[in-house]
C-alpha cells in the first residue's frame, strides 16, 4: 500500500492511496504509525477519501493508530466513505474516532 504523507509544522496529513484498508494495507499503516510516533508527530489527519472498504485488520490498524497518538496528540479521520462510516457506527467506533467532513473541520479538530 502506498501512503501519501505531508508533514506540516503542527500536524501530519496521511492519505492512503488504496480503495481497501485490509490485511494487505493494515501492516503498512501500523508501520507508519510507529514511524510518526518515533518522530514525535502525534497530531495526524488521516484522509480516507480513496478508501471504500475497511475490514477487521484495517479497523485494528486504525485503533492502533488512535491509541499510539493518545494522550499526547490527536487522530482525525476525514472524508470517510458512507459505507465505512456505517461500519464505524455498527462497531460503535464513531464514538472513539474523531470524524471530520471537510479539510477545514479536520484541521480545527486536530489542533483542538
PDB file of N, CA and C in Angstrom:
ATOM      1  N   UNK A   1       0.835  -1.178   0.000  1.00  0.00           N
ATOM      2  CA  UNK A   1       0.000   0.000   0.000  1.00  0.00           C
ATOM      3  C   UNK A   1       0.873   1.233   0.000  1.00  0.00           C
ATOM      4  N   UNK A   2       0.454   2.208  -0.726  1.00  0.00           N
ATOM      5  CA  UNK A   2       1.150   3.482  -0.741  1.00  0.00           C
ATOM      6  C   UNK A   2       0.412   4.479   0.130  1.00  0.00           C
ATOM      7  N   UNK A   3       1.183   5.266   0.856  1.00  0.00           N
ATOM      8  CA  UNK A   3       0.642   6.340   1.665  1.00  0.00           C
ATOM      9  C   UNK A   3       1.279   7.644   1.211  1.00  0.00           C
ATOM     10  N   UNK A   4       0.462   8.641   0.995  1.00  0.00           N
ATOM     11  CA  UNK A   4       0.979   9.980   0.727  1.00  0.00           C
ATOM     12  C   UNK A   4       1.023  10.685   2.077  1.00  0.00           C
ATOM     13  N   UNK A   5       2.199  11.132   2.482  1.00  0.00           N
ATOM     14  CA  UNK A   5       2.371  11.759   3.787  1.00  0.00           C
ATOM     15  C   UNK A   5       2.926  13.158   3.599  1.00  0.00           C
ATOM     16  N   UNK A   6       2.226  14.136   4.189  1.00  0.00           N
ATOM     17  CA  UNK A   6       2.700  15.521   4.189  1.00  0.00           C
ATOM     18  C   UNK A   6       2.898  15.933   5.636  1.00  0.00           C
ATOM     19  N   UNK A   7       4.093  16.410   5.932  1.00  0.00           N
ATOM     20  CA  UNK A   7       4.416  16.820   7.299  1.00  0.00           C
ATOM     21  C   UNK A   7       4.419  18.345   7.369  1.00  0.00           C
ATOM     22  N   UNK A   8       3.504  18.877   8.161  1.00  0.00           N
ATOM     23  CA  UNK A   8       3.412  20.303   8.409  1.00  0.00           C
ATOM     24  C   UNK A   8       3.948  20.565   9.810  1.00  0.00           C
ATOM     25  N   UNK A   9       4.269  21.811  10.135  1.00  0.00           N
ATOM     26  CA  UNK A   9       4.829  22.064  11.462  1.00  0.00           C
ATOM     27  C   UNK A   9       3.953  21.579  12.620  1.00  0.00           C
ATOM     28  N   UNK A  10       2.629  21.712  12.510  1.00  0.00           N
ATOM     29  CA  UNK A  10       1.760  21.398  13.640  1.00  0.00           C
ATOM     30  C   UNK A  10       1.078  20.038  13.551  1.00  0.00           C
ATOM     31  N   UNK A  11       1.042  19.435  12.363  1.00  0.00           N
ATOM     32  CA  UNK A  11       0.347  18.159  12.196  1.00  0.00           C
ATOM     33  C   UNK A  11       0.874  17.435  10.966  1.00  0.00           C
ATOM     34  N   UNK A  12       0.412  16.193  10.809  1.00  0.00           N
ATOM     35  CA  UNK A  12       0.789  15.370   9.658  1.00  0.00           C
ATOM     36  C   UNK A  12      -0.483  14.930   8.954  1.00  0.00           C
ATOM     37  N   UNK A  13      -0.473  15.008   7.631  1.00  0.00           N
ATOM     38  CA  UNK A  13      -1.579  14.544   6.798  1.00  0.00           C
ATOM     39  C   UNK A  13      -1.168  13.227   6.157  1.00  0.00           C
ATOM     40  N   UNK A  14      -1.971  12.184   6.382  1.00  0.00           N
ATOM     41  CA  UNK A  14      -1.698  10.863   5.811  1.00  0.00           C
ATOM     42  C   UNK A  14      -2.871  10.494   4.915  1.00  0.00           C
ATOM     43  N   UNK A  15      -2.556  10.148   3.658  1.00  0.00           N
ATOM     44  CA  UNK A  15      -3.578   9.789   2.686  1.00  0.00           C
ATOM     45  C   UNK A  15      -3.277   8.415   2.096  1.00  0.00           C
ATOM     46  N   UNK A  16      -4.026   7.383   2.517  1.00  0.00           N
ATOM     47  CA  UNK A  16      -3.852   6.069   1.896  1.00  0.00           C
ATOM     48  C   UNK A  16      -4.237   6.151   0.420  1.00  0.00           C
ATOM     49  N   UNK A  17      -3.429   5.542  -0.428  1.00  0.00           N
ATOM     50  CA  UNK A  17      -3.664   5.580  -1.868  1.00  0.00           C
ATOM     51  C   UNK A  17      -4.249   4.252  -2.339  1.00  0.00           C
ATOM     52  N   UNK A  18      -5.208   3.742  -1.571  1.00  0.00           N
ATOM     53  CA  UNK A  18      -5.853   2.462  -1.881  1.00  0.00           C
ATOM     54  C   UNK A  18      -7.350   2.572  -1.625  1.00  0.00           C
ATOM     55  N   UNK A  19      -8.109   1.676  -2.238  1.00  0.00           N
ATOM     56  CA  UNK A  19      -9.555   1.634  -2.017  1.00  0.00           C
ATOM     57  C   UNK A  19      -9.912   0.735  -0.844  1.00  0.00           C
ATOM     58  N   UNK A  20      -8.989  -0.149  -0.453  1.00  0.00           N
ATOM     59  CA  UNK A  20      -9.279  -1.121   0.612  1.00  0.00           C
ATOM     60  C   UNK A  20      -8.233  -1.024   1.712  1.00  0.00           C
ATOM     61  N   UNK A  21      -8.703  -0.838   2.916  1.00  0.00           N
ATOM     62  CA  UNK A  21      -7.834  -0.886   4.089  1.00  0.00           C
ATOM     63  C   UNK A  21      -8.067  -2.259   4.709  1.00  0.00           C
ATOM     64  N   UNK A  22      -7.215  -3.213   4.286  1.00  0.00           N
ATOM     65  CA  UNK A  22      -7.435  -4.619   4.627  1.00  0.00           C
ATOM     66  C   UNK A  22      -6.146  -5.255   5.119  1.00  0.00           C
ATOM     67  N   UNK A  23      -6.076  -6.573   5.094  1.00  0.00           N
ATOM     68  CA  UNK A  23      -4.913  -7.298   5.619  1.00  0.00           C
ATOM     69  C   UNK A  23      -3.625  -6.966   4.883  1.00  0.00           C
ATOM     70  N   UNK A  24      -3.731  -6.516   3.655  1.00  0.00           N
ATOM     71  CA  UNK A  24      -2.541  -6.123   2.894  1.00  0.00           C
ATOM     72  C   UNK A  24      -2.079  -4.731   3.312  1.00  0.00           C
ATOM     73  N   UNK A  25      -3.028  -3.825   3.484  1.00  0.00           N
ATOM     74  CA  UNK A  25      -2.697  -2.426   3.758  1.00  0.00           C
ATOM     75  C   UNK A  25      -2.444  -2.142   5.243  1.00  0.00           C
ATOM     76  N   UNK A  26      -3.082  -2.882   6.119  1.00  0.00           N
ATOM     77  CA  UNK A  26      -3.001  -2.604   7.559  1.00  0.00           C
ATOM     78  C   UNK A  26      -1.569  -2.595   8.108  1.00  0.00           C
ATOM     79  N   UNK A  27      -0.712  -3.554   7.742  1.00  0.00           N
ATOM     80  CA  UNK A  27       0.652  -3.521   8.284  1.00  0.00           C
ATOM     81  C   UNK A  27       1.425  -2.259   7.897  1.00  0.00           C
ATOM     82  N   UNK A  28       1.180  -1.750   6.723  1.00  0.00           N
ATOM     83  CA  UNK A  28       1.862  -0.514   6.284  1.00  0.00           C
ATOM     84  C   UNK A  28       1.403   0.653   7.149  1.00  0.00           C
ATOM     85  N   UNK A  29       0.110   0.718   7.414  1.00  0.00           N
ATOM     86  CA  UNK A  29      -0.417   1.790   8.259  1.00  0.00           C
ATOM     87  C   UNK A  29       0.133   1.675   9.680  1.00  0.00           C
ATOM     88  N   UNK A  30       0.237   0.453  10.190  1.00  0.00           N
ATOM     89  CA  UNK A  30       0.818   0.254  11.524  1.00  0.00           C
ATOM     90  C   UNK A  30       2.286   0.702  11.566  1.00  0.00           C
ATOM     91  N   UNK A  31       3.043   0.363  10.530  1.00  0.00           N
ATOM     92  CA  UNK A  31       4.443   0.776  10.473  1.00  0.00           C
ATOM     93  C   UNK A  31       4.595   2.282  10.400  1.00  0.00           C
ATOM     94  N   UNK A  32       3.732   2.907   9.641  1.00  0.00           N
ATOM     95  CA  UNK A  32       3.759   4.360   9.527  1.00  0.00           C
ATOM     96  C   UNK A  32       3.417   5.004  10.858  1.00  0.00           C
ATOM     97  N   UNK A  33       2.481   4.408  11.579  1.00  0.00           N
ATOM     98  CA  UNK A  33       2.104   4.894  12.907  1.00  0.00           C
ATOM     99  C   UNK A  33       3.319   4.923  13.821  1.00  0.00           C
ATOM    100  N   UNK A  34       4.068   3.843  13.830  1.00  0.00           N
ATOM    101  CA  UNK A  34       5.270   3.769  14.676  1.00  0.00           C
ATOM    102  C   UNK A  34       6.286   4.827  14.254  1.00  0.00           C
ATOM    103  N   UNK A  35       6.473   4.987  12.951  1.00  0.00           N
ATOM    104  CA  UNK A  35       7.428   5.984  12.458  1.00  0.00           C
ATOM    105  C   UNK A  35       7.039   7.394  12.893  1.00  0.00           C
ATOM    106  N   UNK A  36       5.756   7.731  12.751  1.00  0.00           N
ATOM    107  CA  UNK A  36       5.295   9.068  13.136  1.00  0.00           C
ATOM    108  C   UNK A  36       5.479   9.295  14.637  1.00  0.00           C
ATOM    109  N   UNK A  37       5.119   8.313  15.434  1.00  0.00           N
ATOM    110  CA  UNK A  37       5.263   8.441  16.891  1.00  0.00           C
ATOM    111  C   UNK A  37       6.737   8.601  17.276  1.00  0.00           C
ATOM    112  N   UNK A  38       7.622   7.842  16.628  1.00  0.00           N
ATOM    113  CA  UNK A  38       9.058   7.952  16.918  1.00  0.00           C
ATOM    114  C   UNK A  38       9.607   9.322  16.557  1.00  0.00           C
ATOM    115  N   UNK A  39       8.973   9.980  15.589  1.00  0.00           N
ATOM    116  CA  UNK A  39       9.378  11.337  15.190  1.00  0.00           C
ATOM    117  C   UNK A  39       8.717  12.407  16.057  1.00  0.00           C
ATOM    118  N   UNK A  40       7.859  11.989  16.975  1.00  0.00           N
ATOM    119  CA  UNK A  40       7.162  12.947  17.821  1.00  0.00           C
ATOM    120  C   UNK A  40       6.006  13.641  17.126  1.00  0.00           C
ATOM    121  N   UNK A  41       5.489  13.036  16.091  1.00  0.00           N
ATOM    122  CA  UNK A  41       4.375  13.615  15.332  1.00  0.00           C
ATOM    123  C   UNK A  41       3.081  12.944  15.798  1.00  0.00           C
ATOM    124  N   UNK A  42       2.403  13.586  16.751  1.00  0.00           N
ATOM    125  CA  UNK A  42       1.240  12.985  17.390  1.00  0.00           C
ATOM    126  C   UNK A  42      -0.089  13.594  16.968  1.00  0.00           C
ATOM    127  N   UNK A  43      -0.081  14.584  16.090  1.00  0.00           N
ATOM    128  CA  UNK A  43      -1.310  15.163  15.551  1.00  0.00           C
ATOM    129  C   UNK A  43      -1.411  14.733  14.088  1.00  0.00           C
ATOM    130  N   UNK A  44      -2.397  13.870  13.809  1.00  0.00           N
ATOM    131  CA  UNK A  44      -2.492  13.265  12.477  1.00  0.00           C
ATOM    132  C   UNK A  44      -3.910  13.400  11.929  1.00  0.00           C
ATOM    133  N   UNK A  45      -3.990  13.850  10.686  1.00  0.00           N
ATOM    134  CA  UNK A  45      -5.239  13.800   9.926  1.00  0.00           C
ATOM    135  C   UNK A  45      -5.087  12.651   8.944  1.00  0.00           C
ATOM    136  N   UNK A  46      -5.987  11.697   9.028  1.00  0.00           N
ATOM    137  CA  UNK A  46      -5.995  10.558   8.117  1.00  0.00           C
ATOM    138  C   UNK A  46      -7.124  10.784   7.118  1.00  0.00           C
ATOM    139  N   UNK A  47      -6.749  11.101   5.891  1.00  0.00           N
ATOM    140  CA  UNK A  47      -7.710  11.400   4.828  1.00  0.00           C
ATOM    141  C   UNK A  47      -8.082  10.095   4.131  1.00  0.00           C
ATOM    142  N   UNK A  48      -9.308   9.645   4.357  1.00  0.00           N
ATOM    143  CA  UNK A  48      -9.771   8.366   3.806  1.00  0.00           C
ATOM    144  C   UNK A  48     -10.557   8.543   2.510  1.00  0.00           C
ATOM    145  N   UNK A  49     -10.283   9.603   1.790  1.00  0.00           N
ATOM    146  CA  UNK A  49     -11.016   9.921   0.563  1.00  0.00           C
ATOM    147  C   UNK A  49     -11.071   8.761  -0.422  1.00  0.00           C
ATOM    148  N   UNK A  50      -9.984   8.030  -0.574  1.00  0.00           N
ATOM    149  CA  UNK A  50      -9.930   6.945  -1.556  1.00  0.00           C
ATOM    150  C   UNK A  50     -10.364   5.597  -0.981  1.00  0.00           C
ATOM    151  N   UNK A  51     -10.491   5.505   0.338  1.00  0.00           N
ATOM    152  CA  UNK A  51     -10.802   4.232   0.989  1.00  0.00           C
ATOM    153  C   UNK A  51     -12.310   3.978   0.952  1.00  0.00           C
ATOM    154  N   UNK A  52     -12.698   2.854   0.357  1.00  0.00           N
ATOM    155  CA  UNK A  52     -14.107   2.499   0.228  1.00  0.00           C
ATOM    156  C   UNK A  52     -14.476   1.261   1.041  1.00  0.00           C
ATOM    157  N   UNK A  53     -13.466   0.580   1.588  1.00  0.00           N
ATOM    158  CA  UNK A  53     -13.708  -0.661   2.322  1.00  0.00           C
ATOM    159  C   UNK A  53     -12.679  -0.789   3.431  1.00  0.00           C
ATOM    160  N   UNK A  54     -13.142  -1.187   4.618  1.00  0.00           N
ATOM    161  CA  UNK A  54     -12.253  -1.443   5.746  1.00  0.00           C
ATOM    162  C   UNK A  54     -12.669  -2.771   6.366  1.00  0.00           C
ATOM    163  N   UNK A  55     -11.705  -3.702   6.487  1.00  0.00           N
ATOM    164  CA  UNK A  55     -12.014  -4.976   7.153  1.00  0.00           C
ATOM    165  C   UNK A  55     -11.495  -4.932   8.590  1.00  0.00           C
ATOM    166  N   UNK A  56     -11.549  -6.078   9.275  1.00  0.00           N
ATOM    167  CA  UNK A  56     -11.152  -6.119  10.686  1.00  0.00           C
ATOM    168  C   UNK A  56      -9.679  -5.762  10.879  1.00  0.00           C
ATOM    169  N   UNK A  57      -8.828  -6.125   9.934  1.00  0.00           N
ATOM    170  CA  UNK A  57      -7.407  -5.760  10.032  1.00  0.00           C
ATOM    171  C   UNK A  57      -7.231  -4.253   9.901  1.00  0.00           C
ATOM    172  N   UNK A  58      -7.998  -3.665   9.007  1.00  0.00           N
ATOM    173  CA  UNK A  58      -7.965  -2.211   8.834  1.00  0.00           C
ATOM    174  C   UNK A  58      -8.467  -1.500  10.079  1.00  0.00           C
ATOM    175  N   UNK A  59      -9.553  -2.016  10.665  1.00  0.00           N
ATOM    176  CA  UNK A  59     -10.054  -1.435  11.912  1.00  0.00           C
ATOM    177  C   UNK A  59      -8.999  -1.531  13.010  1.00  0.00           C
ATOM    178  N   UNK A  60      -8.336  -2.678  13.076  1.00  0.00           N
ATOM    179  CA  UNK A  60      -7.272  -2.851  14.065  1.00  0.00           C
ATOM    180  C   UNK A  60      -6.147  -1.848  13.882  1.00  0.00           C
ATOM    181  N   UNK A  61      -5.783  -1.595  12.634  1.00  0.00           N
ATOM    182  CA  UNK A  61      -4.721  -0.620  12.355  1.00  0.00           C
ATOM    183  C   UNK A  61      -5.160   0.792  12.742  1.00  0.00           C
ATOM    184  N   UNK A  62      -6.428   1.127  12.490  1.00  0.00           N
ATOM    185  CA  UNK A  62      -6.937   2.447  12.866  1.00  0.00           C
ATOM    186  C   UNK A  62      -6.971   2.609  14.383  1.00  0.00           C
ATOM    187  N   UNK A  63      -7.383   1.563  15.089  1.00  0.00           N
ATOM    188  CA  UNK A  63      -7.403   1.610  16.552  1.00  0.00           C
ATOM    189  C   UNK A  63      -5.985   1.735  17.090  1.00  0.00           C
ATOM    190  N   UNK A  64      -5.055   1.005  16.487  1.00  0.00           N
ATOM    191  CA  UNK A  64      -3.645   1.097  16.886  1.00  0.00           C
ATOM    192  C   UNK A  64      -3.129   2.520  16.697  1.00  0.00           C
ATOM    193  N   UNK A  65      -3.448   3.121  15.576  1.00  0.00           N
ATOM    194  CA  UNK A  65      -3.033   4.496  15.306  1.00  0.00           C
ATOM    195  C   UNK A  65      -3.616   5.434  16.361  1.00  0.00           C
ATOM    196  N   UNK A  66      -4.887   5.282  16.637  1.00  0.00           N
ATOM    197  CA  UNK A  66      -5.550   6.129  17.631  1.00  0.00           C
ATOM    198  C   UNK A  66      -4.880   5.992  19.004  1.00  0.00           C
ATOM    199  N   UNK A  67      -4.647   4.766  19.441  1.00  0.00           N
ATOM    200  CA  UNK A  67      -4.052   4.531  20.767  1.00  0.00           C
ATOM    201  C   UNK A  67      -2.609   5.019  20.832  1.00  0.00           C
ATOM    202  N   UNK A  68      -1.875   4.895  19.744  1.00  0.00           N
ATOM    203  CA  UNK A  68      -0.483   5.339  19.722  1.00  0.00           C
ATOM    204  C   UNK A  68      -0.383   6.857  19.861  1.00  0.00           C
ATOM    205  N   UNK A  69      -1.314   7.558  19.271  1.00  0.00           N
ATOM    206  CA  UNK A  69      -1.264   9.024  19.295  1.00  0.00           C
ATOM    207  C   UNK A  69      -1.784   9.620  20.601  1.00  0.00           C
ATOM    208  N   UNK A  70      -2.578   8.850  21.342  1.00  0.00           N
ATOM    209  CA  UNK A  70      -3.143   9.334  22.604  1.00  0.00           C
ATOM    210  C   UNK A  70      -2.124   9.135  23.711  1.00  0.00           C
ATOM    211  N   UNK A  71      -2.020   9.870  24.748  1.00  0.00           N
ATOM    212  CA  UNK A  71      -2.759  11.094  25.010  1.00  0.00           C
ATOM    213  C   UNK A  71      -2.040  12.341  24.526  1.00  0.00           C
ATOM    214  N   UNK A  72      -0.836  12.184  23.947  1.00  0.00           N
ATOM    215  CA  UNK A  72      -0.054  13.351  23.537  1.00  0.00           C
ATOM    216  C   UNK A  72      -0.684  14.125  22.388  1.00  0.00           C
ATOM    217  N   UNK A  73      -1.384  13.429  21.497  1.00  0.00           N
ATOM    218  CA  UNK A  73      -1.861  14.080  20.294  1.00  0.00           C
ATOM    219  C   UNK A  73      -3.300  13.771  19.980  1.00  0.00           C
ATOM    220  N   UNK A  74      -3.562  13.703  18.682  1.00  0.00           N
ATOM    221  CA  UNK A  74      -4.948  13.506  18.262  1.00  0.00           C
ATOM    222  C   UNK A  74      -4.970  12.944  16.845  1.00  0.00           C
ATOM    223  N   UNK A  75      -5.923  12.042  16.610  1.00  0.00           N
ATOM    224  CA  UNK A  75      -6.174  11.497  15.279  1.00  0.00           C
ATOM    225  C   UNK A  75      -7.541  11.983  14.823  1.00  0.00           C
ATOM    226  N   UNK A  76      -7.591  12.521  13.604  1.00  0.00           N
ATOM    227  CA  UNK A  76      -8.850  12.936  12.994  1.00  0.00           C
ATOM    228  C   UNK A  76      -8.972  12.220  11.660  1.00  0.00           C
ATOM    229  N   UNK A  77     -10.107  11.563  11.438  1.00  0.00           N
ATOM    230  CA  UNK A  77     -10.391  10.912  10.163  1.00  0.00           C
ATOM    231  C   UNK A  77     -11.274  11.841   9.356  1.00  0.00           C
ATOM    232  N   UNK A  78     -10.912  12.059   8.089  1.00  0.00           N
ATOM    233  CA  UNK A  78     -11.747  12.923   7.257  1.00  0.00           C
ATOM    234  C   UNK A  78     -12.077  12.239   5.935  1.00  0.00           C
ATOM    235  N   UNK A  79     -13.125  12.768   5.297  1.00  0.00           N
ATOM    236  CA  UNK A  79     -13.621  12.249   4.021  1.00  0.00           C
ATOM    237  C   UNK A  79     -13.927  10.752   4.106  1.00  0.00           C
ATOM    238  N   UNK A  80     -14.635  10.371   5.146  1.00  0.00           N
ATOM    239  CA  UNK A  80     -14.973   8.966   5.368  1.00  0.00           C
ATOM    240  C   UNK A  80     -16.130   8.574   4.449  1.00  0.00           C
ATOM    241  N   UNK A  81     -15.927   7.511   3.675  1.00  0.00           N
ATOM    242  CA  UNK A  81     -16.948   6.964   2.785  1.00  0.00           C
ATOM    243  C   UNK A  81     -18.177   6.554   3.607  1.00  0.00           C
ATOM    244  N   UNK A  82     -19.361   6.655   3.007  1.00  0.00           N
ATOM    245  CA  UNK A  82     -20.609   6.328   3.712  1.00  0.00           C
ATOM    246  C   UNK A  82     -20.613   4.896   4.243  1.00  0.00           C
ATOM    247  N   UNK A  83     -20.107   3.939   3.456  1.00  0.00           N
ATOM    248  CA  UNK A  83     -20.069   2.541   3.907  1.00  0.00           C
ATOM    249  C   UNK A  83     -19.110   2.368   5.076  1.00  0.00           C
ATOM    250  N   UNK A  84     -17.982   3.036   5.006  1.00  0.00           N
ATOM    251  CA  UNK A  84     -17.005   2.962   6.092  1.00  0.00           C
ATOM    252  C   UNK A  84     -17.578   3.648   7.337  1.00  0.00           C
ATOM    253  N   UNK A  85     -18.247   4.767   7.143  1.00  0.00           N
ATOM    254  CA  UNK A  85     -18.898   5.454   8.251  1.00  0.00           C
ATOM    255  C   UNK A  85     -19.945   4.583   8.917  1.00  0.00           C
ATOM    256  N   UNK A  86     -20.688   3.825   8.122  1.00  0.00           N
ATOM    257  CA  UNK A  86     -21.688   2.908   8.673  1.00  0.00           C
ATOM    258  C   UNK A  86     -21.015   1.810   9.501  1.00  0.00           C
ATOM    259  N   UNK A  87     -19.868   1.317   9.029  1.00  0.00           N
ATOM    260  CA  UNK A  87     -19.104   0.324   9.787  1.00  0.00           C
ATOM    261  C   UNK A  87     -18.696   0.896  11.141  1.00  0.00           C
ATOM    262  N   UNK A  88     -18.249   2.144  11.159  1.00  0.00           N
ATOM    263  CA  UNK A  88     -17.876   2.783  12.418  1.00  0.00           C
ATOM    264  C   UNK A  88     -19.079   2.866  13.363  1.00  0.00           C
ATOM    265  N   UNK A  89     -20.262   3.153  12.818  1.00  0.00           N
ATOM    266  CA  UNK A  89     -21.465   3.236  13.653  1.00  0.00           C
ATOM    267  C   UNK A  89     -21.838   1.869  14.213  1.00  0.00           C
ATOM    268  N   UNK A  90     -21.819   0.841  13.361  1.00  0.00           N
ATOM    269  CA  UNK A  90     -22.193  -0.512  13.794  1.00  0.00           C
ATOM    270  C   UNK A  90     -21.241  -1.014  14.876  1.00  0.00           C
ATOM    271  N   UNK A  91     -19.962  -0.720  14.728  1.00  0.00           N
ATOM    272  CA  UNK A  91     -18.961  -1.170  15.702  1.00  0.00           C
ATOM    273  C   UNK A  91     -18.801  -0.186  16.869  1.00  0.00           C
ATOM    274  N   UNK A  92     -19.548   0.896  16.806  1.00  0.00           N
ATOM    275  CA  UNK A  92     -19.506   1.979  17.795  1.00  0.00           C
ATOM    276  C   UNK A  92     -18.160   2.684  17.852  1.00  0.00           C
ATOM    277  N   UNK A  93     -17.371   2.538  16.817  1.00  0.00           N
ATOM    278  CA  UNK A  93     -16.093   3.244  16.758  1.00  0.00           C
ATOM    279  C   UNK A  93     -16.280   4.714  16.393  1.00  0.00           C
ATOM    280  N   UNK A  94     -17.491   5.087  15.970  1.00  0.00           N
ATOM    281  CA  UNK A  94     -17.763   6.504  15.733  1.00  0.00           C
ATOM    282  C   UNK A  94     -17.710   7.285  17.042  1.00  0.00           C
ATOM    283  N   UNK A  95     -17.775   6.563  18.166  1.00  0.00           N
ATOM    284  CA  UNK A  95     -17.641   7.187  19.488  1.00  0.00           C
ATOM    285  C   UNK A  95     -16.180   7.304  19.910  1.00  0.00           C
ATOM    286  N   UNK A  96     -15.312   6.556  19.225  1.00  0.00           N
ATOM    287  CA  UNK A  96     -13.886   6.547  19.546  1.00  0.00           C
ATOM    288  C   UNK A  96     -13.125   7.512  18.638  1.00  0.00           C
ATOM    289  N   UNK A  97     -13.392   7.420  17.346  1.00  0.00           N
ATOM    290  CA  UNK A  97     -12.687   8.240  16.375  1.00  0.00           C
ATOM    291  C   UNK A  97     -13.320   9.627  16.250  1.00  0.00           C
ATOM    292  N   UNK A  98     -12.489  10.600  15.960  1.00  0.00           N
ATOM    293  CA  UNK A  98     -12.963  11.937  15.638  1.00  0.00           C
ATOM    294  C   UNK A  98     -13.098  12.004  14.124  1.00  0.00           C
ATOM    295  N   UNK A  99     -14.312  12.279  13.655  1.00  0.00           N
ATOM    296  CA  UNK A  99     -14.591  12.303  12.224  1.00  0.00           C
ATOM    297  C   UNK A  99     -14.849  13.731  11.767  1.00  0.00           C
ATOM    298  N   UNK A 100     -14.301  14.076  10.609  1.00  0.00           N
ATOM    299  CA  UNK A 100     -14.493  15.409  10.031  1.00  0.00           C
ATOM    300  C   UNK A 100     -15.008  15.271   8.606  1.00  0.00           C
ATOM    301  N   UNK A 101     -15.903  16.167   8.228  1.00  0.00           N
ATOM    302  CA  UNK A 101     -16.488  16.127   6.891  1.00  0.00           C
ATOM    303  C   UNK A 101     -15.652  16.892   5.869  1.00  0.00           C
ATOM    304  N   UNK A 102     -14.835  17.827   6.331  1.00  0.00           N
ATOM    305  CA  UNK A 102     -14.069  18.667   5.402  1.00  0.00           C
ATOM    306  C   UNK A 102     -12.630  18.830   5.887  1.00  0.00           C
ATOM    307  N   UNK A 103     -11.791  19.346   4.997  1.00  0.00           N
ATOM    308  CA  UNK A 103     -10.398  19.617   5.356  1.00  0.00           C
ATOM    309  C   UNK A 103     -10.309  20.662   6.469  1.00  0.00           C
ATOM    310  N   UNK A 104     -11.115  21.722   6.365  1.00  0.00           N
ATOM    311  CA  UNK A 104     -11.090  22.789   7.372  1.00  0.00           C
ATOM    312  C   UNK A 104     -11.499  22.261   8.748  1.00  0.00           C
ATOM    313  N   UNK A 105     -12.557  21.453   8.766  1.00  0.00           N
ATOM    314  CA  UNK A 105     -13.002  20.891  10.032  1.00  0.00           C
ATOM    315  C   UNK A 105     -11.939  19.955  10.612  1.00  0.00           C
ATOM    316  N   UNK A 106     -11.307  19.158   9.767  1.00  0.00           N
ATOM    317  CA  UNK A 106     -10.251  18.255  10.224  1.00  0.00           C
ATOM    318  C   UNK A 106      -9.110  19.031  10.848  1.00  0.00           C
ATOM    319  N   UNK A 107      -8.722  20.131  10.209  1.00  0.00           N
ATOM    320  CA  UNK A 107      -7.644  20.963  10.747  1.00  0.00           C
ATOM    321  C   UNK A 107      -8.025  21.538  12.112  1.00  0.00           C
ATOM    322  N   UNK A 108      -9.245  22.060  12.221  1.00  0.00           N
ATOM    323  CA  UNK A 108      -9.693  22.631  13.501  1.00  0.00           C
ATOM    324  C   UNK A 108      -9.695  21.560  14.598  1.00  0.00           C
ATOM    325  N   UNK A 109     -10.177  20.367  14.255  1.00  0.00           N
ATOM    326  CA  UNK A 109     -10.266  19.296  15.256  1.00  0.00           C
ATOM    327  C   UNK A 109      -8.900  18.760  15.671  1.00  0.00           C
ATOM    328  N   UNK A 110      -7.979  18.631  14.727  1.00  0.00           N
ATOM    329  CA  UNK A 110      -6.662  18.074  15.075  1.00  0.00           C
ATOM    330  C   UNK A 110      -5.874  19.066  15.939  1.00  0.00           C
ATOM    331  N   UNK A 111      -6.195  20.352  15.816  1.00  0.00           N
ATOM    332  CA  UNK A 111      -5.484  21.364  16.592  1.00  0.00           C
ATOM    333  C   UNK A 111      -6.159  21.624  17.940  1.00  0.00           C
ATOM    334  N   UNK A 112      -7.339  21.071  18.154  1.00  0.00           N
ATOM    335  CA  UNK A 112      -8.083  21.329  19.412  1.00  0.00           C
ATOM    336  C   UNK A 112      -7.386  20.710  20.603  1.00  0.00           C
TER     337      UNK A 112
END
